Amino acid sequence: MNPELKEKIELHKKCINDKSGKVRFGSIAKGGDSTSGLQFADSQTAWIVDGITFNEFISKNNITDCNFIKMDIEGGETTVLPLMKDYLGKKKPVLYLSLHPLFFINPIEDMKKIIDVLKVYKNIYTDKGKKIELQDLLLKNRLKGRYAIVATDKRFDSN
């Protein structure tokens, strides 16, 4: 869809995980769709993938200028995001984060782990650009669904 970006994009057949090595990846549907992830490893539809930690991925690929991260990992954010806290705190890339509390084992406790990481940012916005407070992520209506937020040190212009 963006031919001018083709030369700037690299695909890696790896999943970001809390440890490197082979891991079981599963799906609550048919696989290869938007409901695939590590937390579904015990599902009937599953396969083995190569996992790598975020820090190892950054190091092995000599990434020195990362200003944007999009994370949409179907509930796996509770595993991966805490391991990224130091990097996010130092580099401050804009983080577009899809949250899936409906897939969390302990929604309140898992969301508190995510909030602890997001504290490194000055601003949290909905994907529509409305500023919210971190504690809003613990509201009941948010703990039962899925939605996206943007974490950044930049301010969105309200106009």
C-alpha atoms as a PDB file:
ATOM      1  CA  MET A   1       0.000   0.000   0.000  1.00  0.00           C
ATOM      2  CA  ASN A   2       3.004   2.305   0.505  1.00  0.00           C
ATOM      3  CA  PRO A   3       5.548   1.488  -2.219  1.00  0.00           C
ATOM      4  CA  GLU A   4       7.773   4.398  -1.164  1.00  0.00           C
ATOM      5  CA  LEU A   5       8.320   2.634   2.170  1.00  0.00           C
ATOM      6  CA  LYS A   6       9.143  -0.789   0.713  1.00  0.00           C
ATOM      7  CA  GLU A   7      12.919  -0.352   1.028  1.00  0.00           C
ATOM      8  CA  LYS A   8      12.587   0.832   4.638  1.00  0.00           C
ATOM      9  CA  ILE A   9      10.671  -2.201   5.915  1.00  0.00           C
ATOM     10  CA  GLU A  10      12.152  -5.469   7.108  1.00  0.00           C
ATOM     11  CA  LEU A  11      10.057  -8.461   8.090  1.00  0.00           C
ATOM     12  CA  HIS A  12      11.257 -10.822  10.808  1.00  0.00           C
ATOM     13  CA  LYS A  13       9.649 -14.204  11.425  1.00  0.00           C
ATOM     14  CA  LYS A  14       9.939 -13.891  15.177  1.00  0.00           C
ATOM     15  CA  CYS A  15       7.682 -13.041  18.059  1.00  0.00           C
ATOM     16  CA  ILE A  16       8.747 -10.692  20.842  1.00  0.00           C
ATOM     17  CA  ASN A  17       8.656 -12.681  24.073  1.00  0.00           C
ATOM     18  CA  ASP A  18      10.030 -12.654  27.604  1.00  0.00           C
ATOM     19  CA  LYS A  19      12.706 -15.158  26.535  1.00  0.00           C
ATOM     20  CA  SER A  20      14.423 -16.140  23.297  1.00  0.00           C
ATOM     21  CA  GLY A  21      13.986 -19.561  21.711  1.00  0.00           C
ATOM     22  CA  LYS A  22      11.216 -21.735  20.330  1.00  0.00           C
ATOM     23  CA  VAL A  23       7.773 -21.032  21.786  1.00  0.00           C
ATOM     24  CA  ARG A  24       4.300 -22.378  21.201  1.00  0.00           C
ATOM     25  CA  PHE A  25       1.973 -19.841  19.604  1.00  0.00           C
ATOM     26  CA  GLY A  26      -1.764 -20.451  19.364  1.00  0.00           C
ATOM     27  CA  SER A  27      -5.072 -19.102  18.203  1.00  0.00           C
ATOM     28  CA  ILE A  28      -8.602 -19.140  19.581  1.00  0.00           C
ATOM     29  CA  ALA A  29      -9.818 -19.154  15.972  1.00  0.00           C
ATOM     30  CA  LYS A  30      -8.300 -20.631  12.822  1.00  0.00           C
ATOM     31  CA  GLY A  31      -4.786 -19.204  13.167  1.00  0.00           C
ATOM     32  CA  GLY A  32      -3.007 -16.448  11.326  1.00  0.00           C
ATOM     33  CA  ASP A  33      -5.715 -13.986  12.259  1.00  0.00           C
ATOM     34  CA  SER A  34      -5.931 -11.245  14.847  1.00  0.00           C
ATOM     35  CA  THR A  35      -6.607 -13.680  17.694  1.00  0.00           C
ATOM     36  CA  SER A  36      -3.234 -15.426  17.649  1.00  0.00           C
ATOM     37  CA  GLY A  37      -0.729 -15.117  20.468  1.00  0.00           C
ATOM     38  CA  LEU A  38       1.449 -16.697  23.115  1.00  0.00           C
ATOM     39  CA  GLN A  39      -1.343 -16.713  25.691  1.00  0.00           C
ATOM     40  CA  PHE A  40      -3.302 -19.096  23.438  1.00  0.00           C
ATOM     41  CA  ALA A  41      -0.499 -21.690  23.329  1.00  0.00           C
ATOM     42  CA  ASP A  42      -2.744 -24.396  24.782  1.00  0.00           C
ATOM     43  CA  SER A  43      -5.368 -23.948  22.073  1.00  0.00           C
ATOM     44  CA  GLN A  44      -6.149 -26.703  19.594  1.00  0.00           C
ATOM     45  CA  THR A  45      -4.770 -24.532  16.795  1.00  0.00           C
ATOM     46  CA  ALA A  46      -1.111 -23.895  17.640  1.00  0.00           C
ATOM     47  CA  TRP A  47       2.346 -23.907  16.095  1.00  0.00           C
ATOM     48  CA  ILE A  48       5.987 -23.353  17.069  1.00  0.00           C
ATOM     49  CA  VAL A  49       7.637 -19.976  16.391  1.00  0.00           C
ATOM     50  CA  ASP A  50      10.982 -18.374  17.149  1.00  0.00           C
ATOM     51  CA  GLY A  51      10.798 -16.000  20.083  1.00  0.00           C
ATOM     52  CA  ILE A  52      13.227 -13.212  20.894  1.00  0.00           C
ATOM     53  CA  THR A  53      13.320 -10.663  23.682  1.00  0.00           C
ATOM     54  CA  PHE A  54      12.725  -7.034  22.802  1.00  0.00           C
ATOM     55  CA  ASN A  55      16.193  -5.979  23.987  1.00  0.00           C
ATOM     56  CA  GLU A  56      17.859  -8.775  22.019  1.00  0.00           C
ATOM     57  CA  PHE A  57      15.893  -7.792  18.903  1.00  0.00           C
ATOM     58  CA  ILE A  58      16.987  -4.158  19.264  1.00  0.00           C
ATOM     59  CA  SER A  59      20.615  -5.198  19.785  1.00  0.00           C
ATOM     60  CA  LYS A  60      20.832  -7.843  17.019  1.00  0.00           C
ATOM     61  CA  ASN A  61      19.298  -5.482  14.486  1.00  0.00           C
ATOM     62  CA  ASN A  62      21.426  -2.471  15.513  1.00  0.00           C
ATOM     63  CA  ILE A  63      18.348  -0.312  16.005  1.00  0.00           C
ATOM     64  CA  THR A  64      19.505   3.085  17.189  1.00  0.00           C
ATOM     65  CA  ASP A  65      16.633   5.304  16.085  1.00  0.00           C
ATOM     66  CA  CYS A  66      13.239   3.933  17.042  1.00  0.00           C
ATOM     67  CA  ASN A  67      10.674   6.693  17.409  1.00  0.00           C
ATOM     68  CA  PHE A  68       7.448   4.683  17.072  1.00  0.00           C
ATOM     69  CA  ILE A  69       6.312   1.269  18.304  1.00  0.00           C
ATOM     70  CA  LYS A  70       2.959  -0.313  17.528  1.00  0.00           C
ATOM     71  CA  MET A  71       2.099  -3.219  19.810  1.00  0.00           C
ATOM     72  CA  ASP A  72      -0.953  -5.364  19.160  1.00  0.00           C
ATOM     73  CA  ILE A  73      -0.272  -8.766  20.709  1.00  0.00           C
ATOM     74  CA  GLU A  74      -3.669  -9.935  21.956  1.00  0.00           C
ATOM     75  CA  GLY A  75      -3.064  -9.815  25.701  1.00  0.00           C
ATOM     76  CA  GLY A  76       0.659 -10.604  25.532  1.00  0.00           C
ATOM     77  CA  GLU A  77       1.365  -6.985  26.409  1.00  0.00           C
ATOM     78  CA  THR A  78       1.361  -7.977  30.095  1.00  0.00           C
ATOM     79  CA  THR A  79       4.376 -10.205  29.406  1.00  0.00           C
ATOM     80  CA  VAL A  80       6.338  -8.064  26.959  1.00  0.00           C
ATOM     81  CA  LEU A  81       5.693  -4.462  27.997  1.00  0.00           C
ATOM     82  CA  PRO A  82       7.279  -4.661  31.494  1.00  0.00           C
ATOM     83  CA  LEU A  83      10.496  -5.922  29.879  1.00  0.00           C
ATOM     84  CA  MET A  84      10.566  -2.826  27.671  1.00  0.00           C
ATOM     85  CA  LYS A  85      10.238  -0.290  30.511  1.00  0.00           C
ATOM     86  CA  ASP A  86      13.898   0.782  30.616  1.00  0.00           C
ATOM     87  CA  TYR A  87      14.062   1.193  26.855  1.00  0.00           C
ATOM     88  CA  LEU A  88      10.807   3.144  26.711  1.00  0.00           C
ATOM     89  CA  GLY A  89      11.937   5.357  29.585  1.00  0.00           C
ATOM     90  CA  LYS A  90      15.247   6.205  27.886  1.00  0.00           C
ATOM     91  CA  LYS A  91      14.259   6.417  24.214  1.00  0.00           C
ATOM     92  CA  LYS A  92      10.617   7.561  24.571  1.00  0.00           C
ATOM     93  CA  PRO A  93       9.285   6.265  21.242  1.00  0.00           C
ATOM     94  CA  VAL A  94       5.627   7.020  20.663  1.00  0.00           C
ATOM     95  CA  LEU A  95       3.845   3.841  21.713  1.00  0.00           C
ATOM     96  CA  TYR A  96       0.614   2.842  19.994  1.00  0.00           C
ATOM     97  CA  LEU A  97      -0.619   0.105  22.278  1.00  0.00           C
ATOM     98  CA  SER A  98      -3.590  -2.144  21.670  1.00  0.00           C
ATOM     99  CA  LEU A  99      -4.798  -3.398  25.028  1.00  0.00           C
ATOM    100  CA  HIS A 100      -6.724  -6.641  25.453  1.00  0.00           C
ATOM    101  CA  PRO A 101      -7.770  -6.928  29.104  1.00  0.00           C
ATOM    102  CA  LEU A 102     -10.478  -9.418  28.154  1.00  0.00           C
ATOM    103  CA  PHE A 103      -7.593 -11.884  27.547  1.00  0.00           C
ATOM    104  CA  PHE A 104      -5.716 -11.075  30.788  1.00  0.00           C
ATOM    105  CA  ILE A 105      -5.586 -13.738  33.486  1.00  0.00           C
ATOM    106  CA  ASN A 106      -5.914 -11.117  36.258  1.00  0.00           C
ATOM    107  CA  PRO A 107      -7.229  -7.965  34.538  1.00  0.00           C
ATOM    108  CA  ILE A 108      -6.734  -5.516  37.430  1.00  0.00           C
ATOM    109  CA  GLU A 109      -3.273  -6.761  38.429  1.00  0.00           C
ATOM    110  CA  ASP A 110      -2.132  -7.122  34.816  1.00  0.00           C
ATOM    111  CA  MET A 111      -3.331  -3.609  33.994  1.00  0.00           C
ATOM    112  CA  LYS A 112      -1.446  -2.275  37.015  1.00  0.00           C
ATOM    113  CA  LYS A 113       1.749  -3.800  35.544  1.00  0.00           C
ATOM    114  CA  ILE A 114       1.057  -2.006  32.279  1.00  0.00           C
ATOM    115  CA  ILE A 115       0.303   1.269  34.066  1.00  0.00           C
ATOM    116  CA  ASP A 116       3.633   0.985  35.898  1.00  0.00           C
ATOM    117  CA  VAL A 117       5.394   0.913  32.523  1.00  0.00           C
ATOM    118  CA  LEU A 118       3.299   3.708  31.011  1.00  0.00           C
ATOM    119  CA  LYS A 119       4.288   6.022  33.870  1.00  0.00           C
ATOM    120  CA  VAL A 120       7.486   6.771  31.914  1.00  0.00           C
ATOM    121  CA  TYR A 121       5.350   8.869  29.534  1.00  0.00           C
ATOM    122  CA  LYS A 122       3.926  12.331  30.167  1.00  0.00           C
ATOM    123  CA  ASN A 123       0.741  11.826  28.130  1.00  0.00           C
ATOM    124  CA  ILE A 124      -1.700   9.015  27.442  1.00  0.00           C
ATOM    125  CA  TYR A 125      -4.372   9.410  24.766  1.00  0.00           C
ATOM    126  CA  THR A 126      -7.145   7.278  23.374  1.00  0.00           C
ATOM    127  CA  ASP A 127      -6.673   6.272  19.751  1.00  0.00           C
ATOM    128  CA  LYS A 128      -9.081   9.143  18.967  1.00  0.00           C
ATOM    129  CA  GLY A 129      -6.722  11.688  20.547  1.00  0.00           C
ATOM    130  CA  LYS A 130      -8.558  12.296  23.838  1.00  0.00           C
ATOM    131  CA  LYS A 131      -6.201  12.698  26.785  1.00  0.00           C
ATOM    132  CA  ILE A 132      -6.837  10.225  29.608  1.00  0.00           C
ATOM    133  CA  GLU A 133      -5.265   9.488  32.967  1.00  0.00           C
ATOM    134  CA  LEU A 134      -3.477   6.218  33.646  1.00  0.00           C
ATOM    135  CA  GLN A 135      -6.000   5.282  36.324  1.00  0.00           C
ATOM    136  CA  ASP A 136      -8.731   5.426  33.652  1.00  0.00           C
ATOM    137  CA  LEU A 137      -7.282   2.162  32.355  1.00  0.00           C
ATOM    138  CA  LEU A 138      -8.653   0.471  35.488  1.00  0.00           C
ATOM    139  CA  LEU A 139     -12.264   1.461  34.808  1.00  0.00           C
ATOM    140  CA  LYS A 140     -14.620  -1.521  34.604  1.00  0.00           C
ATOM    141  CA  ASN A 141     -15.700  -0.800  31.037  1.00  0.00           C
ATOM    142  CA  ARG A 142     -12.049  -0.825  29.928  1.00  0.00           C
ATOM    143  CA  LEU A 143     -11.197  -4.047  31.775  1.00  0.00           C
ATOM    144  CA  LYS A 144     -13.771  -6.018  29.787  1.00  0.00           C
ATOM    145  CA  GLY A 145     -12.843  -5.098  26.242  1.00  0.00           C
ATOM    146  CA  ARG A 146     -10.082  -4.196  23.887  1.00  0.00           C
ATOM    147  CA  TYR A 147      -8.983  -0.757  22.795  1.00  0.00           C
ATOM    148  CA  ALA A 148      -5.921   1.233  21.794  1.00  0.00           C
ATOM    149  CA  ILE A 149      -4.027   4.049  23.449  1.00  0.00           C
ATOM    150  CA  VAL A 150      -1.117   6.264  22.493  1.00  0.00           C
ATOM    151  CA  ALA A 151       1.646   6.949  25.016  1.00  0.00           C
ATOM    152  CA  THR A 152       3.950   9.865  24.264  1.00  0.00           C
ATOM    153  CA  ASP A 153       5.838  12.742  25.809  1.00  0.00           C
ATOM    154  CA  LYS A 154       4.392  14.976  23.086  1.00  0.00           C
ATOM    155  CA  ARG A 155       1.120  16.857  23.431  1.00  0.00           C
ATOM    156  CA  PHE A 156      -1.627  16.425  20.879  1.00  0.00           C
ATOM    157  CA  ASP A 157      -3.074  19.683  19.711  1.00  0.00           C
ATOM    158  CA  SER A 158      -6.742  19.756  20.716  1.00  0.00           C
ATOM    159  CA  ASN A 159      -7.719  21.647  17.553  1.00  0.00           C
END
